Amino acid sequence: MSSSPLIPDATLFPPTGSTIAHPRPFAMRLVPSADGVSREVAHINNVEYVRWVDRAAELHADSLGHTREFLLASGRMWFVARHEVDYCAEVFPGDELHVFTWIRSVSRVTSWRDTTILRARDGVVVCRATTCWALVDLATRKPARIPADMLLAFQPLEAGCTSRSSSIPNGL
């Protein structure tokens, strides 16, 4: 199964009255292909949604200069500590989707990222996801402090907040 390409789109804005909490979320367009259809049911497989959420986070970070290559060169990388995914509606090949992602809050070593995926034709939310990302030192495999410049670049919705817990879920 392959992932459909996400295309960043700075001209895309959340619809008025939507549940998108951030005033300036990172926005992308996506049109799933038949490659992502489940073998059992003729709709896009739920695994694809998780791929979109992960790819959206990567593209958002890339747009701010914090690419995976940049992180690797600094000896750090973001690891997923927790995914919470709500599948709200089916998606079919050819459906145009609008993907919005933003950082809700940060702690010393983690960030909570929210992602909402809407179907373009009717504005229906097809997926909501929350991911706890932990910045990890690759040499020690221990949590690493998030640099101040990275915090500023990501413009967290709750600046300076340690929403949820400042500890890392599952002891990563």
C-alpha atoms as a PDB file:
ATOM      1  CA  MET A   1       0.000   0.000   0.000  1.00  0.00           C
ATOM      2  CA  SER A   2       1.358   3.438  -0.831  1.00  0.00           C
ATOM      3  CA  SER A   3       0.563   6.814   0.599  1.00  0.00           C
ATOM      4  CA  SER A   4      -1.144   9.501  -1.481  1.00  0.00           C
ATOM      5  CA  PRO A   5       0.863  12.715  -1.900  1.00  0.00           C
ATOM      6  CA  LEU A   6       0.110  15.649   0.369  1.00  0.00           C
ATOM      7  CA  ILE A   7       0.563  19.007  -1.359  1.00  0.00           C
ATOM      8  CA  PRO A   8       1.226  22.016   0.931  1.00  0.00           C
ATOM      9  CA  ASP A   9      -1.107  24.889   0.046  1.00  0.00           C
ATOM     10  CA  ALA A  10      -0.606  28.295   1.681  1.00  0.00           C
ATOM     11  CA  THR A  11      -3.801  29.574   0.025  1.00  0.00           C
ATOM     12  CA  LEU A  12      -5.982  27.004   1.800  1.00  0.00           C
ATOM     13  CA  PHE A  13      -7.799  28.235   4.904  1.00  0.00           C
ATOM     14  CA  PRO A  14     -10.114  26.392   7.304  1.00  0.00           C
ATOM     15  CA  PRO A  15     -13.798  26.970   6.584  1.00  0.00           C
ATOM     16  CA  THR A  16     -15.571  29.538   8.752  1.00  0.00           C
ATOM     17  CA  GLY A  17     -17.054  27.872  11.809  1.00  0.00           C
ATOM     18  CA  SER A  18     -14.783  24.826  11.550  1.00  0.00           C
ATOM     19  CA  THR A  19     -13.259  23.112  14.563  1.00  0.00           C
ATOM     20  CA  ILE A  20      -9.723  24.091  13.518  1.00  0.00           C
ATOM     21  CA  ALA A  21      -8.367  25.691  16.700  1.00  0.00           C
ATOM     22  CA  HIS A  22      -5.186  27.344  15.382  1.00  0.00           C
ATOM     23  CA  PRO A  23      -5.620  30.681  13.573  1.00  0.00           C
ATOM     24  CA  ARG A  24      -2.835  29.799  11.073  1.00  0.00           C
ATOM     25  CA  PRO A  25      -2.619  26.023  10.698  1.00  0.00           C
ATOM     26  CA  PHE A  26      -0.325  24.437   8.139  1.00  0.00           C
ATOM     27  CA  ALA A  27      -2.598  23.413   5.243  1.00  0.00           C
ATOM     28  CA  MET A  28      -2.348  20.757   2.545  1.00  0.00           C
ATOM     29  CA  ARG A  29      -4.439  19.219  -0.203  1.00  0.00           C
ATOM     30  CA  LEU A  30      -4.696  15.497  -0.743  1.00  0.00           C
ATOM     31  CA  VAL A  31      -6.480  13.307  -3.279  1.00  0.00           C
ATOM     32  CA  PRO A  32      -6.222   9.637  -2.252  1.00  0.00           C
ATOM     33  CA  SER A  33      -5.556   7.124  -4.981  1.00  0.00           C
ATOM     34  CA  ALA A  34      -6.917   3.609  -5.369  1.00  0.00           C
ATOM     35  CA  ASP A  35      -3.601   2.314  -3.977  1.00  0.00           C
ATOM     36  CA  GLY A  36      -4.886   3.055  -0.470  1.00  0.00           C
ATOM     37  CA  VAL A  37      -8.130   1.078  -0.716  1.00  0.00           C
ATOM     38  CA  SER A  38      -8.636  -1.619   1.896  1.00  0.00           C
ATOM     39  CA  ARG A  39      -8.707  -5.202   0.646  1.00  0.00           C
ATOM     40  CA  GLU A  40     -11.864  -5.958   2.599  1.00  0.00           C
ATOM     41  CA  VAL A  41     -14.007  -2.826   2.186  1.00  0.00           C
ATOM     42  CA  ALA A  42     -13.914  -0.497  -0.829  1.00  0.00           C
ATOM     43  CA  HIS A  43     -12.790   2.640   1.028  1.00  0.00           C
ATOM     44  CA  ILE A  44      -9.426   4.117   1.961  1.00  0.00           C
ATOM     45  CA  ASN A  45      -7.723   1.988   4.631  1.00  0.00           C
ATOM     46  CA  ASN A  46      -7.318   3.525   8.089  1.00  0.00           C
ATOM     47  CA  VAL A  47      -3.554   2.982   7.903  1.00  0.00           C
ATOM     48  CA  GLU A  48      -3.456   5.650   5.181  1.00  0.00           C
ATOM     49  CA  TYR A  49      -4.932   8.224   7.580  1.00  0.00           C
ATOM     50  CA  VAL A  50      -2.039   7.628   9.992  1.00  0.00           C
ATOM     51  CA  ARG A  51       0.426   8.035   7.107  1.00  0.00           C
ATOM     52  CA  TRP A  52      -1.216  11.357   6.191  1.00  0.00           C
ATOM     53  CA  VAL A  53      -0.984  12.565   9.800  1.00  0.00           C
ATOM     54  CA  ASP A  54       2.716  11.642   9.940  1.00  0.00           C
ATOM     55  CA  ARG A  55       3.480  13.178   6.544  1.00  0.00           C
ATOM     56  CA  ALA A  56       1.602  16.379   7.417  1.00  0.00           C
ATOM     57  CA  ALA A  57       3.799  16.775  10.511  1.00  0.00           C
ATOM     58  CA  GLU A  58       6.921  16.227   8.421  1.00  0.00           C
ATOM     59  CA  LEU A  59       5.885  18.751   5.754  1.00  0.00           C
ATOM     60  CA  HIS A  60       4.985  21.334   8.401  1.00  0.00           C
ATOM     61  CA  ALA A  61       8.410  20.939  10.041  1.00  0.00           C
ATOM     62  CA  ASP A  62      10.108  21.066   6.612  1.00  0.00           C
ATOM     63  CA  SER A  63       8.344  24.341   5.813  1.00  0.00           C
ATOM     64  CA  LEU A  64       9.904  25.843   8.950  1.00  0.00           C
ATOM     65  CA  GLY A  65      13.423  24.601   8.196  1.00  0.00           C
ATOM     66  CA  HIS A  66      13.361  21.761  10.714  1.00  0.00           C
ATOM     67  CA  THR A  67      13.699  18.945   8.190  1.00  0.00           C
ATOM     68  CA  ARG A  68      14.536  15.374   9.120  1.00  0.00           C
ATOM     69  CA  GLU A  69      17.975  15.913   7.533  1.00  0.00           C
ATOM     70  CA  PHE A  70      18.537  18.993   9.729  1.00  0.00           C
ATOM     71  CA  LEU A  71      17.500  17.036  12.816  1.00  0.00           C
ATOM     72  CA  LEU A  72      19.702  14.051  11.919  1.00  0.00           C
ATOM     73  CA  ALA A  73      22.682  16.382  11.457  1.00  0.00           C
ATOM     74  CA  SER A  74      22.044  17.730  14.969  1.00  0.00           C
ATOM     75  CA  GLY A  75      21.784  14.208  16.401  1.00  0.00           C
ATOM     76  CA  ARG A  76      18.084  14.486  17.237  1.00  0.00           C
ATOM     77  CA  MET A  77      14.802  13.217  15.829  1.00  0.00           C
ATOM     78  CA  TRP A  78      11.116  13.431  16.633  1.00  0.00           C
ATOM     79  CA  PHE A  79       9.624  10.108  17.770  1.00  0.00           C
ATOM     80  CA  VAL A  80       5.918   9.423  18.059  1.00  0.00           C
ATOM     81  CA  ALA A  81       5.079   8.722  21.692  1.00  0.00           C
ATOM     82  CA  ARG A  82       1.313   8.503  21.216  1.00  0.00           C
ATOM     83  CA  HIS A  83      -1.276   8.695  18.425  1.00  0.00           C
ATOM     84  CA  GLU A  84      -4.972   9.287  19.077  1.00  0.00           C
ATOM     85  CA  VAL A  85      -6.995   8.966  15.869  1.00  0.00           C
ATOM     86  CA  ASP A  86     -10.726   9.468  15.462  1.00  0.00           C
ATOM     87  CA  TYR A  87     -12.031   8.140  12.159  1.00  0.00           C
ATOM     88  CA  CYS A  88     -15.165  10.215  11.542  1.00  0.00           C
ATOM     89  CA  ALA A  89     -16.160   9.433   7.940  1.00  0.00           C
ATOM     90  CA  GLU A  90     -15.176   7.202   5.055  1.00  0.00           C
ATOM     91  CA  VAL A  91     -12.854   8.419   2.324  1.00  0.00           C
ATOM     92  CA  PHE A  92     -12.823   7.069  -1.227  1.00  0.00           C
ATOM     93  CA  PRO A  93     -10.277   7.349  -4.038  1.00  0.00           C
ATOM     94  CA  GLY A  94     -10.594  10.702  -5.775  1.00  0.00           C
ATOM     95  CA  ASP A  95     -12.076  12.548  -2.766  1.00  0.00           C
ATOM     96  CA  GLU A  96     -10.288  15.884  -2.397  1.00  0.00           C
ATOM     97  CA  LEU A  97      -9.248  16.324   1.217  1.00  0.00           C
ATOM     98  CA  HIS A  98      -7.980  19.382   3.073  1.00  0.00           C
ATOM     99  CA  VAL A  99      -5.498  18.592   5.832  1.00  0.00           C
ATOM    100  CA  PHE A 100      -4.779  21.101   8.602  1.00  0.00           C
ATOM    101  CA  THR A 101      -2.123  20.578  11.274  1.00  0.00           C
ATOM    102  CA  TRP A 102      -0.659  22.668  14.082  1.00  0.00           C
ATOM    103  CA  ILE A 103       1.176  22.407  17.373  1.00  0.00           C
ATOM    104  CA  ARG A 104      -1.253  22.700  20.260  1.00  0.00           C
ATOM    105  CA  SER A 105       1.215  22.743  23.143  1.00  0.00           C
ATOM    106  CA  VAL A 106       4.768  21.977  24.157  1.00  0.00           C
ATOM    107  CA  SER A 107       6.717  20.904  27.189  1.00  0.00           C
ATOM    108  CA  ARG A 108      10.458  20.660  27.698  1.00  0.00           C
ATOM    109  CA  VAL A 109      10.810  17.602  25.424  1.00  0.00           C
ATOM    110  CA  THR A 110       7.401  16.924  23.856  1.00  0.00           C
ATOM    111  CA  SER A 111       4.869  18.591  21.638  1.00  0.00           C
ATOM    112  CA  TRP A 112       1.207  17.799  21.099  1.00  0.00           C
ATOM    113  CA  ARG A 113       0.177  18.184  17.463  1.00  0.00           C
ATOM    114  CA  ASP A 114      -3.421  18.256  16.245  1.00  0.00           C
ATOM    115  CA  THR A 115      -4.480  17.343  12.723  1.00  0.00           C
ATOM    116  CA  THR A 116      -7.932  17.655  11.168  1.00  0.00           C
ATOM    117  CA  ILE A 117      -8.801  16.283   7.740  1.00  0.00           C
ATOM    118  CA  LEU A 118     -11.887  17.629   5.954  1.00  0.00           C
ATOM    119  CA  ARG A 119     -13.574  16.407   2.785  1.00  0.00           C
ATOM    120  CA  ALA A 120     -13.474  19.407   0.412  1.00  0.00           C
ATOM    121  CA  ARG A 121     -16.828  18.942  -1.310  1.00  0.00           C
ATOM    122  CA  ASP A 122     -18.945  19.095   1.846  1.00  0.00           C
ATOM    123  CA  GLY A 123     -16.606  20.170   4.679  1.00  0.00           C
ATOM    124  CA  VAL A 124     -17.211  16.945   6.615  1.00  0.00           C
ATOM    125  CA  VAL A 125     -14.472  16.087   9.114  1.00  0.00           C
ATOM    126  CA  VAL A 126     -13.192  12.663   8.078  1.00  0.00           C
ATOM    127  CA  CYS A 127     -10.443  12.406  10.685  1.00  0.00           C
ATOM    128  CA  ARG A 128      -9.145  14.112  13.820  1.00  0.00           C
ATOM    129  CA  ALA A 129      -5.805  13.114  15.250  1.00  0.00           C
ATOM    130  CA  THR A 130      -3.639  14.144  18.153  1.00  0.00           C
ATOM    131  CA  THR A 131      -0.024  13.055  18.332  1.00  0.00           C
ATOM    132  CA  CYS A 132       2.470  13.425  21.133  1.00  0.00           C
ATOM    133  CA  TRP A 133       5.909  13.847  19.627  1.00  0.00           C
ATOM    134  CA  ALA A 134       9.052  13.494  21.750  1.00  0.00           C
ATOM    135  CA  LEU A 135      12.342  15.039  20.664  1.00  0.00           C
ATOM    136  CA  VAL A 136      14.997  12.377  21.225  1.00  0.00           C
ATOM    137  CA  ASP A 137      18.803  12.525  21.337  1.00  0.00           C
ATOM    138  CA  LEU A 138      19.830   9.786  18.901  1.00  0.00           C
ATOM    139  CA  ALA A 139      23.114   8.985  20.674  1.00  0.00           C
ATOM    140  CA  THR A 140      21.576   8.419  24.110  1.00  0.00           C
ATOM    141  CA  ARG A 141      17.996   7.598  23.041  1.00  0.00           C
ATOM    142  CA  LYS A 142      16.889   9.940  25.829  1.00  0.00           C
ATOM    143  CA  PRO A 143      14.525  12.907  25.556  1.00  0.00           C
ATOM    144  CA  ALA A 144      16.184  16.106  24.346  1.00  0.00           C
ATOM    145  CA  ARG A 145      15.168  19.648  25.247  1.00  0.00           C
ATOM    146  CA  ILE A 146      13.274  21.378  22.435  1.00  0.00           C
ATOM    147  CA  PRO A 147      15.372  24.382  21.326  1.00  0.00           C
ATOM    148  CA  ALA A 148      13.815  27.823  21.764  1.00  0.00           C
ATOM    149  CA  ASP A 149      14.104  28.648  18.054  1.00  0.00           C
ATOM    150  CA  MET A 150      12.137  25.512  17.182  1.00  0.00           C
ATOM    151  CA  LEU A 151       9.443  26.416  19.713  1.00  0.00           C
ATOM    152  CA  LEU A 152       9.107  29.879  18.216  1.00  0.00           C
ATOM    153  CA  ALA A 153       8.993  28.550  14.649  1.00  0.00           C
ATOM    154  CA  PHE A 154       6.157  26.127  15.395  1.00  0.00           C
ATOM    155  CA  GLN A 155       3.950  28.803  16.971  1.00  0.00           C
ATOM    156  CA  PRO A 156       2.176  26.527  19.451  1.00  0.00           C
ATOM    157  CA  LEU A 157      -1.442  27.388  20.082  1.00  0.00           C
ATOM    158  CA  GLU A 158      -0.850  27.281  23.823  1.00  0.00           C
ATOM    159  CA  ALA A 159       2.512  29.031  24.049  1.00  0.00           C
ATOM    160  CA  GLY A 160       4.531  28.038  27.079  1.00  0.00           C
ATOM    161  CA  CYS A 161       1.935  25.477  28.067  1.00  0.00           C
ATOM    162  CA  THR A 162       2.605  21.921  29.094  1.00  0.00           C
ATOM    163  CA  SER A 163      -0.778  20.533  28.129  1.00  0.00           C
ATOM    164  CA  ARG A 164      -1.604  16.966  29.078  1.00  0.00           C
ATOM    165  CA  SER A 165       1.553  15.960  30.854  1.00  0.00           C
ATOM    166  CA  SER A 166       5.115  17.128  30.714  1.00  0.00           C
ATOM    167  CA  SER A 167       6.221  13.527  30.957  1.00  0.00           C
ATOM    168  CA  ILE A 168       6.472  11.294  27.935  1.00  0.00           C
ATOM    169  CA  PRO A 169       3.706   8.704  27.515  1.00  0.00           C
ATOM    170  CA  ASN A 170       4.745   5.073  27.883  1.00  0.00           C
ATOM    171  CA  GLY A 171       8.165   6.041  29.240  1.00  0.00           C
ATOM    172  CA  LEU A 172       9.795   6.604  25.852  1.00  0.00           C
END
